[in-house]
Amino acid sequence: MATITFDKVTRRYPGADNLAVNSFDLEIDDGEFLVLVGPSGCGKSTALRMLAGLEHVSSGAIRIGDRDVTHVPPKERDIAMVFQNYALYPHLTVGENMGFALSIAKVPKDEIERRVQEAAGILDLEPFLERKPKALSGGQRQRVAMGRAIVRQPQVFLMDEPLSNLDAKLRVQTRTQIASLQTRLGVTTVYVTHDQVEAMTMGDRVAVMEAGVLQQVGTPLDLYEKPANPFVAGFIGSPAMNLGTFAVTDEGAMVGDALVPLSRETLSGVPAGGKVLLGFRPETVEVATQAAPGAFPVRVTLVEALGSDAFVYGEPAQTEGRGGFTSGQVIARVEPHGAPKKGETVWLRIRPGAEHVFSPETGKRLTA
């Protein structure tokens, strides 16, 4: 096991106008499960591949423990990687696939068998050791790929979107198994995904990337409750946070004709006659009456009934010149029984203190 350090790591692909990864700074603790998350093309897999030694580092340094591995070949970094595609040898059995890297390293056969049996026990693969990959389900194949990494007993596990090929139900089951397995083994793990639900449910900490730049690092709860900028606010959480730019008064933001009160501390960072980027999550919205302070009208365009919850999507009434919502709609979680119908107009209010306020110009968070 070991710590991992990215020290201002940059990757520029030949002929590219933009940096794939730009001055990436990150410390990962010994035994930590860190998830790199972001949209497609944000640089998360490139960062992982640089750690693995599969991509060249244009500038900066990468350290595993106290050892600088920036220019060390992959096979000498003491890492094990699990890919999106299982990369199993079809002509070998499950046991032979799991022990293949050890065979190449000329580890004694009895030691290989011991490690394979141990890993198979951890992953519930003992009944399948003599089967070929074609006789396994997708989830079982992914566990074999993980077993191949486990038997190597590396300092670091690297996982590049390992659940993308699984169906929704199996993804939920397997991500729980991976998180539990990492806790049991205690090996420093870096996990890449584009799925923020995976990130929030699996990681000790989550690092959010966008356009090659690290946006924020923190626990899942930190990112949910105090996103550093509008990108993190909109990316973390499902459904996404409602975001819009609105004019401010001395007391708060004007959402249509409704005044959403903001603290003096928040308003102190906004110039007179200025605007704020206001965000609030669907679960922090209350159905109110027209007379309720801060309530604004929304015409319902869609209702998603999910059993335990219902989500209302609607078009807010706007007052010309005062701004509007980025997506053009508002999402609110409501009680599933008695949820409003499509075409109805409901009055919604943000629960006091649940708003997130950012500067429209800099993206800086203004709320404490």
Protein backbone atom coordinates (compact mmCIF):
# COMPACT_ATOMS: atom_id res chain seq x y z
CA MET A 1 0.00 0.00 0.00
CA ALA A 2 1.14 3.55 -0.65
CA THR A 3 0.18 7.18 -1.00
CA ILE A 4 -0.17 8.74 -4.47
CA THR A 5 0.87 12.27 -5.39
CA PHE A 6 0.09 14.18 -8.57
CA ASP A 7 2.36 17.24 -8.56
CA LYS A 8 1.21 19.79 -11.17
CA VAL A 9 0.88 17.00 -13.75
CA THR A 10 0.11 18.17 -17.30
CA ARG A 11 -0.57 16.23 -20.48
CA ARG A 12 -0.62 17.82 -23.92
CA TYR A 13 -1.32 15.63 -26.93
CA PRO A 14 0.69 16.49 -30.07
CA GLY A 15 -1.23 18.87 -32.31
CA ALA A 16 -3.96 19.54 -29.72
CA ASP A 17 -4.97 23.13 -28.96
CA ASN A 18 -6.03 22.40 -25.38
CA LEU A 19 -4.34 20.49 -22.57
CA ALA A 20 -5.86 17.09 -21.85
CA VAL A 21 -4.86 17.47 -18.20
CA ASN A 22 -3.83 20.87 -16.86
CA SER A 23 -1.59 21.25 -13.78
CA PHE A 24 -3.28 18.41 -11.91
CA ASP A 25 -2.51 18.56 -8.15
CA LEU A 26 -3.83 15.78 -5.90
CA GLU A 27 -2.75 13.85 -2.80
CA ILE A 28 -4.30 10.41 -2.24
CA ASP A 29 -3.86 8.84 1.19
CA ASP A 30 -2.60 5.35 1.91
CA GLY A 31 -5.52 2.93 1.70
CA GLU A 32 -7.94 5.56 0.39
CA PHE A 33 -10.63 4.89 -2.22
CA LEU A 34 -10.60 7.97 -4.45
CA VAL A 35 -13.01 8.40 -7.36
CA LEU A 36 -12.18 10.59 -10.36
CA VAL A 37 -15.42 11.74 -11.94
CA GLY A 38 -16.41 14.05 -14.78
CA PRO A 39 -18.03 14.16 -18.20
CA SER A 40 -16.59 12.38 -21.22
CA GLY A 41 -13.36 14.02 -22.40
CA CYS A 42 -12.63 15.81 -19.12
CA GLY A 43 -9.20 14.16 -18.66
CA LYS A 44 -9.99 11.69 -15.88
CA SER A 45 -8.91 8.56 -17.80
CA THR A 46 -5.82 10.39 -19.06
CA ALA A 47 -4.85 11.17 -15.47
CA LEU A 48 -5.34 7.52 -14.52
CA ARG A 49 -3.32 6.32 -17.51
CA MET A 50 -0.47 8.68 -16.62
CA LEU A 51 -0.47 7.17 -13.13
CA ALA A 52 -0.34 3.71 -14.73
CA GLY A 53 2.50 4.75 -17.03
CA LEU A 54 0.41 4.24 -20.17
CA GLU A 55 0.48 7.96 -21.07
CA HIS A 56 3.46 10.30 -21.23
CA VAL A 57 3.63 13.12 -18.65
CA SER A 58 4.30 16.41 -20.44
CA SER A 59 5.28 18.21 -17.22
CA GLY A 60 5.01 17.72 -13.47
CA ALA A 61 5.66 14.60 -11.39
CA ILE A 62 3.84 11.51 -10.12
CA ARG A 63 4.91 9.74 -6.93
CA ILE A 64 3.78 6.43 -5.47
CA GLY A 65 4.85 6.50 -1.86
CA ASP A 66 8.20 8.30 -1.77
CA ARG A 67 9.18 7.04 -5.21
CA ASP A 68 9.03 9.27 -8.28
CA VAL A 69 7.49 7.10 -11.00
CA THR A 70 6.97 9.80 -13.63
CA HIS A 71 9.22 8.06 -16.14
CA VAL A 72 9.20 4.54 -14.69
CA PRO A 73 7.84 1.77 -17.02
CA PRO A 74 4.36 0.48 -16.11
CA LYS A 75 5.55 -3.00 -15.12
CA GLU A 76 7.87 -1.48 -12.49
CA ARG A 77 5.23 0.69 -10.76
CA ASP A 78 3.65 -2.08 -8.65
CA ILE A 79 0.12 -1.30 -9.77
CA ALA A 80 -2.76 -3.43 -11.04
CA MET A 81 -5.40 -2.11 -13.42
CA VAL A 82 -8.99 -3.16 -14.13
CA PHE A 83 -10.39 -1.95 -17.45
CA GLN A 84 -13.88 -1.37 -18.83
CA ASN A 85 -13.48 -4.35 -21.15
CA TYR A 86 -12.55 -7.40 -19.13
CA ALA A 87 -9.54 -8.33 -21.32
CA LEU A 88 -9.74 -12.02 -20.40
CA TYR A 89 -8.03 -14.72 -22.43
CA PRO A 90 -10.87 -16.83 -23.93
CA HIS A 91 -8.79 -20.00 -24.18
CA LEU A 92 -7.77 -19.95 -20.49
CA THR A 93 -9.89 -21.00 -17.52
CA VAL A 94 -10.91 -18.52 -14.83
CA GLY A 95 -8.12 -19.74 -12.56
CA GLU A 96 -5.53 -19.51 -15.36
CA ASN A 97 -6.69 -16.00 -16.24
CA MET A 98 -6.38 -14.87 -12.62
CA GLY A 99 -2.91 -16.34 -12.23
CA PHE A 100 -1.57 -15.43 -15.68
CA ALA A 101 0.48 -12.38 -14.62
CA LEU A 102 2.06 -14.40 -11.81
CA SER A 103 2.97 -17.17 -14.27
CA ILE A 104 4.70 -14.63 -16.52
CA ALA A 105 6.58 -13.35 -13.45
CA LYS A 106 7.69 -16.96 -12.77
CA VAL A 107 6.06 -17.11 -9.35
CA PRO A 108 6.12 -20.71 -8.02
CA LYS A 109 3.04 -22.73 -8.97
CA ASP A 110 2.00 -23.49 -5.39
CA GLU A 111 2.12 -19.76 -4.56
CA ILE A 112 0.04 -18.95 -7.66
CA GLU A 113 -2.54 -21.56 -6.67
CA ARG A 114 -2.68 -20.23 -3.11
CA ARG A 115 -3.23 -16.63 -4.25
CA VAL A 116 -5.81 -17.60 -6.86
CA GLN A 117 -7.77 -19.67 -4.33
CA GLU A 118 -7.64 -16.81 -1.83
CA ALA A 119 -8.87 -14.26 -4.40
CA ALA A 120 -11.56 -16.64 -5.64
CA GLY A 121 -12.80 -17.00 -2.07
CA ILE A 122 -13.00 -13.24 -1.63
CA LEU A 123 -14.91 -12.81 -4.91
CA ASP A 124 -17.13 -15.93 -4.66
CA LEU A 125 -15.53 -17.39 -7.78
CA GLU A 126 -14.52 -20.82 -6.43
CA PRO A 127 -17.23 -22.73 -8.37
CA PHE A 128 -16.08 -21.15 -11.64
CA LEU A 129 -12.30 -21.65 -11.55
CA GLU A 130 -12.39 -24.37 -14.23
CA ARG A 131 -14.79 -22.54 -16.55
CA LYS A 132 -13.84 -20.50 -19.61
CA PRO A 133 -14.88 -16.82 -19.77
CA LYS A 134 -17.58 -17.53 -22.39
CA ALA A 135 -19.48 -19.55 -19.77
CA LEU A 136 -19.68 -16.59 -17.36
CA SER A 137 -22.05 -13.65 -17.01
CA GLY A 138 -20.82 -10.07 -17.40
CA GLY A 139 -20.68 -9.55 -13.65
CA GLN A 140 -18.71 -12.77 -13.15
CA ARG A 141 -16.24 -11.78 -15.87
CA GLN A 142 -15.70 -8.43 -14.16
CA ARG A 143 -15.01 -10.22 -10.89
CA VAL A 144 -12.44 -12.40 -12.68
CA ALA A 145 -10.74 -9.24 -13.97
CA MET A 146 -10.70 -7.91 -10.40
CA GLY A 147 -9.35 -11.23 -9.15
CA ARG A 148 -6.49 -11.01 -11.64
CA ALA A 149 -5.59 -7.64 -10.08
CA ILE A 150 -5.96 -8.88 -6.50
CA VAL A 151 -3.61 -11.88 -6.88
CA ARG A 152 -0.78 -9.55 -7.84
CA GLN A 153 -0.98 -7.91 -4.38
CA PRO A 154 -0.02 -4.46 -5.74
CA GLN A 155 0.49 -1.20 -3.86
CA VAL A 156 -2.22 0.49 -5.93
CA PHE A 157 -5.42 -0.56 -7.73
CA LEU A 158 -6.49 1.46 -10.77
CA MET A 159 -10.01 1.01 -12.16
CA ASP A 160 -11.10 2.62 -15.43
CA GLU A 161 -14.93 2.60 -15.68
CA PRO A 162 -15.10 -1.13 -14.81
CA LEU A 163 -18.92 -1.22 -14.57
CA SER A 164 -19.83 0.46 -17.86
CA ASN A 165 -20.58 -2.82 -19.64
CA LEU A 166 -22.99 -4.09 -16.97
CA ASP A 167 -26.75 -3.63 -16.85
CA ALA A 168 -28.25 -1.24 -14.28
CA LYS A 169 -29.13 -3.84 -11.64
CA LEU A 170 -25.77 -5.58 -11.88
CA ARG A 171 -23.95 -2.23 -11.70
CA VAL A 172 -25.59 -1.47 -8.35
CA GLN A 173 -24.71 -4.91 -7.02
CA THR A 174 -21.12 -4.87 -8.29
CA ARG A 175 -20.29 -1.35 -7.11
CA THR A 176 -21.29 -2.42 -3.59
CA GLN A 177 -19.02 -5.45 -3.89
CA ILE A 178 -16.10 -3.32 -5.12
CA ALA A 179 -16.46 -0.80 -2.28
CA SER A 180 -16.66 -3.58 0.32
CA LEU A 181 -13.71 -5.39 -1.24
CA GLN A 182 -11.55 -2.26 -1.19
CA THR A 183 -12.36 -1.69 2.48
CA ARG A 184 -11.44 -5.30 3.25
CA LEU A 185 -8.15 -5.24 1.32
CA GLY A 186 -7.18 -1.69 2.32
CA VAL A 187 -5.30 -1.08 -0.94
CA THR A 188 -5.04 2.48 -2.23
CA THR A 189 -7.52 2.66 -5.13
CA VAL A 190 -8.17 5.21 -7.87
CA TYR A 191 -11.47 4.65 -9.66
CA VAL A 192 -12.55 6.51 -12.80
CA THR A 193 -16.20 6.94 -13.77
CA HIS A 194 -18.50 9.37 -15.57
CA ASP A 195 -21.39 8.29 -13.31
CA GLN A 196 -21.78 10.67 -10.38
CA VAL A 197 -24.01 8.16 -8.54
CA GLU A 198 -21.13 5.64 -8.59
CA ALA A 199 -18.77 8.35 -7.38
CA MET A 200 -21.03 9.43 -4.52
CA THR A 201 -21.77 5.91 -3.29
CA MET A 202 -18.28 4.39 -3.56
CA GLY A 203 -15.56 6.92 -2.85
CA ASP A 204 -13.98 7.98 0.45
CA ARG A 205 -13.31 11.18 -1.48
CA VAL A 206 -14.37 12.33 -4.92
CA ALA A 207 -12.32 14.48 -7.32
CA VAL A 208 -14.38 16.28 -9.96
CA MET A 209 -12.71 17.18 -13.27
CA GLU A 210 -13.83 19.31 -16.19
CA ALA A 211 -11.89 20.33 -19.32
CA GLY A 212 -8.67 18.86 -17.90
CA VAL A 213 -8.86 20.90 -14.69
CA LEU A 214 -9.49 19.60 -11.18
CA GLN A 215 -12.57 21.48 -9.95
CA GLN A 216 -13.02 20.21 -6.39
CA VAL A 217 -11.94 17.36 -4.11
CA GLY A 218 -13.84 16.29 -1.02
CA THR A 219 -16.07 13.74 0.60
CA PRO A 220 -19.31 13.00 -1.25
CA LEU A 221 -21.21 15.01 1.36
CA ASP A 222 -18.84 17.99 0.97
CA LEU A 223 -19.45 18.08 -2.78
CA TYR A 224 -23.20 17.74 -2.34
CA GLU A 225 -23.60 20.34 0.40
CA LYS A 226 -20.93 22.86 -0.58
CA PRO A 227 -20.07 22.67 -4.29
CA ALA A 228 -17.18 25.03 -5.06
CA ASN A 229 -18.55 26.30 -8.37
CA PRO A 230 -21.54 26.00 -10.73
CA PHE A 231 -20.03 23.07 -12.64
CA VAL A 232 -19.71 20.90 -9.52
CA ALA A 233 -23.13 22.08 -8.33
CA GLY A 234 -24.75 20.99 -11.58
CA PHE A 235 -22.79 17.75 -12.00
CA ILE A 236 -23.19 16.30 -8.51
CA GLY A 237 -26.69 15.25 -7.54
CA SER A 238 -29.53 13.48 -9.34
CA PRO A 239 -31.69 15.05 -10.62
CA ALA A 240 -29.36 17.96 -11.24
CA MET A 241 -29.43 21.16 -9.22
CA ASN A 242 -31.66 23.97 -10.50
CA LEU A 243 -29.41 26.87 -11.57
CA GLY A 244 -30.30 30.31 -12.87
CA THR A 245 -29.03 33.87 -13.04
CA PHE A 246 -31.19 36.46 -11.29
CA ALA A 247 -31.12 40.15 -10.39
CA VAL A 248 -30.61 41.05 -6.72
CA THR A 249 -32.02 43.68 -4.39
CA ASP A 250 -30.83 44.74 -0.95
CA GLU A 251 -32.59 41.70 0.52
CA GLY A 252 -32.14 38.86 -1.96
CA ALA A 253 -32.58 37.47 -5.46
CA MET A 254 -35.66 38.07 -7.60
CA VAL A 255 -36.96 34.81 -9.06
CA GLY A 256 -39.72 36.15 -11.24
CA ASP A 257 -41.71 38.39 -8.91
CA ALA A 258 -40.67 36.41 -5.82
CA LEU A 259 -37.93 37.56 -3.47
CA VAL A 260 -35.61 34.77 -2.31
CA PRO A 261 -33.93 36.14 0.84
CA LEU A 262 -30.13 36.01 0.94
CA SER A 263 -27.82 36.76 3.86
CA ARG A 264 -25.96 40.06 4.12
CA GLU A 265 -22.70 38.12 3.94
CA THR A 266 -23.72 36.64 0.59
CA LEU A 267 -24.98 39.94 -0.80
CA SER A 268 -21.80 41.75 0.27
CA GLY A 269 -19.98 40.04 -2.61
CA VAL A 270 -22.48 41.30 -5.21
CA PRO A 271 -22.17 44.81 -6.71
CA ALA A 272 -25.19 47.15 -6.58
CA GLY A 273 -27.62 46.33 -9.37
CA GLY A 274 -25.77 43.07 -10.02
CA LYS A 275 -26.87 39.49 -10.48
CA VAL A 276 -26.18 36.16 -8.82
CA LEU A 277 -26.15 32.58 -10.05
CA LEU A 278 -28.68 30.93 -7.74
CA GLY A 279 -28.87 27.18 -7.27
CA PHE A 280 -31.16 24.90 -5.29
CA ARG A 281 -31.66 21.15 -5.33
CA PRO A 282 -34.99 19.54 -6.26
CA GLU A 283 -35.29 18.03 -2.79
CA THR A 284 -35.02 21.46 -1.09
CA VAL A 285 -38.15 22.84 -2.80
CA GLU A 286 -41.51 23.02 -1.05
CA VAL A 287 -44.94 23.22 -2.63
CA ALA A 288 -46.44 26.43 -1.25
CA THR A 289 -49.35 28.79 -1.71
CA GLN A 290 -49.33 31.87 -3.90
CA ALA A 291 -49.28 34.07 -0.79
CA ALA A 292 -46.22 32.35 0.74
CA PRO A 293 -43.10 34.56 0.91
CA GLY A 294 -40.60 33.65 -1.80
CA ALA A 295 -43.03 31.44 -3.74
CA PHE A 296 -42.87 31.47 -7.54
CA PRO A 297 -45.23 29.85 -10.08
CA VAL A 298 -44.26 26.88 -12.25
CA ARG A 299 -46.40 25.28 -14.97
CA VAL A 300 -45.97 21.50 -14.79
CA THR A 301 -44.78 19.88 -18.04
CA LEU A 302 -43.83 16.41 -16.75
CA VAL A 303 -44.30 14.32 -13.62
CA GLU A 304 -42.00 11.37 -12.91
CA ALA A 305 -43.67 9.02 -10.42
CA LEU A 306 -41.02 6.74 -8.91
CA GLY A 307 -43.05 5.13 -6.14
CA SER A 308 -41.34 6.53 -3.05
CA ASP A 309 -40.84 9.93 -4.70
CA ALA A 310 -42.17 12.02 -7.54
CA PHE A 311 -40.31 14.68 -9.50
CA VAL A 312 -42.09 17.59 -11.11
CA TYR A 313 -40.57 19.30 -14.14
CA GLY A 314 -41.99 22.68 -15.05
CA GLU A 315 -41.60 25.98 -16.84
CA PRO A 316 -41.22 28.90 -14.43
CA ALA A 317 -43.04 32.17 -15.01
CA GLN A 318 -40.42 34.83 -15.70
CA THR A 319 -40.39 38.58 -15.38
CA GLU A 320 -38.66 40.21 -18.32
CA GLY A 321 -35.14 41.49 -17.64
CA ARG A 322 -34.68 39.70 -14.32
CA GLY A 323 -32.97 36.57 -15.58
CA GLY A 324 -33.99 32.95 -15.73
CA PHE A 325 -33.04 29.33 -15.19
CA THR A 326 -30.10 27.95 -17.16
CA SER A 327 -32.01 24.87 -18.35
CA GLY A 328 -35.28 26.76 -18.86
CA GLN A 329 -37.04 24.49 -16.37
CA VAL A 330 -37.36 23.82 -12.66
CA ILE A 331 -37.25 20.36 -11.07
CA ALA A 332 -38.85 19.74 -7.68
CA ARG A 333 -39.29 16.62 -5.59
CA VAL A 334 -42.83 16.26 -4.26
CA GLU A 335 -44.89 13.71 -2.37
CA PRO A 336 -45.91 10.90 -4.75
CA HIS A 337 -49.48 10.86 -3.44
CA GLY A 338 -51.35 13.93 -4.61
CA ALA A 339 -48.59 15.07 -6.95
CA PRO A 340 -49.67 17.85 -9.34
CA LYS A 341 -50.82 16.92 -12.82
CA LYS A 342 -49.29 17.88 -16.14
CA GLY A 343 -50.55 21.32 -17.19
CA GLU A 344 -51.25 22.52 -13.64
CA THR A 345 -49.55 25.57 -12.15
CA VAL A 346 -47.95 25.10 -8.75
CA TRP A 347 -46.25 27.56 -6.43
CA LEU A 348 -42.82 26.50 -5.21
CA ARG A 349 -40.58 27.90 -2.51
CA ILE A 350 -36.92 27.22 -1.71
CA ARG A 351 -36.45 26.13 1.90
CA PRO A 352 -34.66 28.94 3.79
CA GLY A 353 -30.90 28.39 3.88
CA ALA A 354 -30.95 25.68 1.19
CA GLU A 355 -29.85 27.95 -1.65
CA HIS A 356 -26.37 27.95 -3.23
CA VAL A 357 -25.15 31.29 -4.58
CA PHE A 358 -22.29 31.83 -7.04
CA SER A 359 -20.82 34.76 -8.90
CA PRO A 360 -21.98 34.68 -12.55
CA GLU A 361 -18.68 36.24 -13.64
CA THR A 362 -16.12 34.13 -11.74
CA GLY A 363 -18.14 31.07 -10.70
CA LYS A 364 -16.89 31.62 -7.13
CA ARG A 365 -19.15 30.35 -4.36
CA LEU A 366 -20.64 33.24 -2.38
CA THR A 367 -22.60 31.34 0.29
CA ALA A 368 -20.68 30.11 3.32
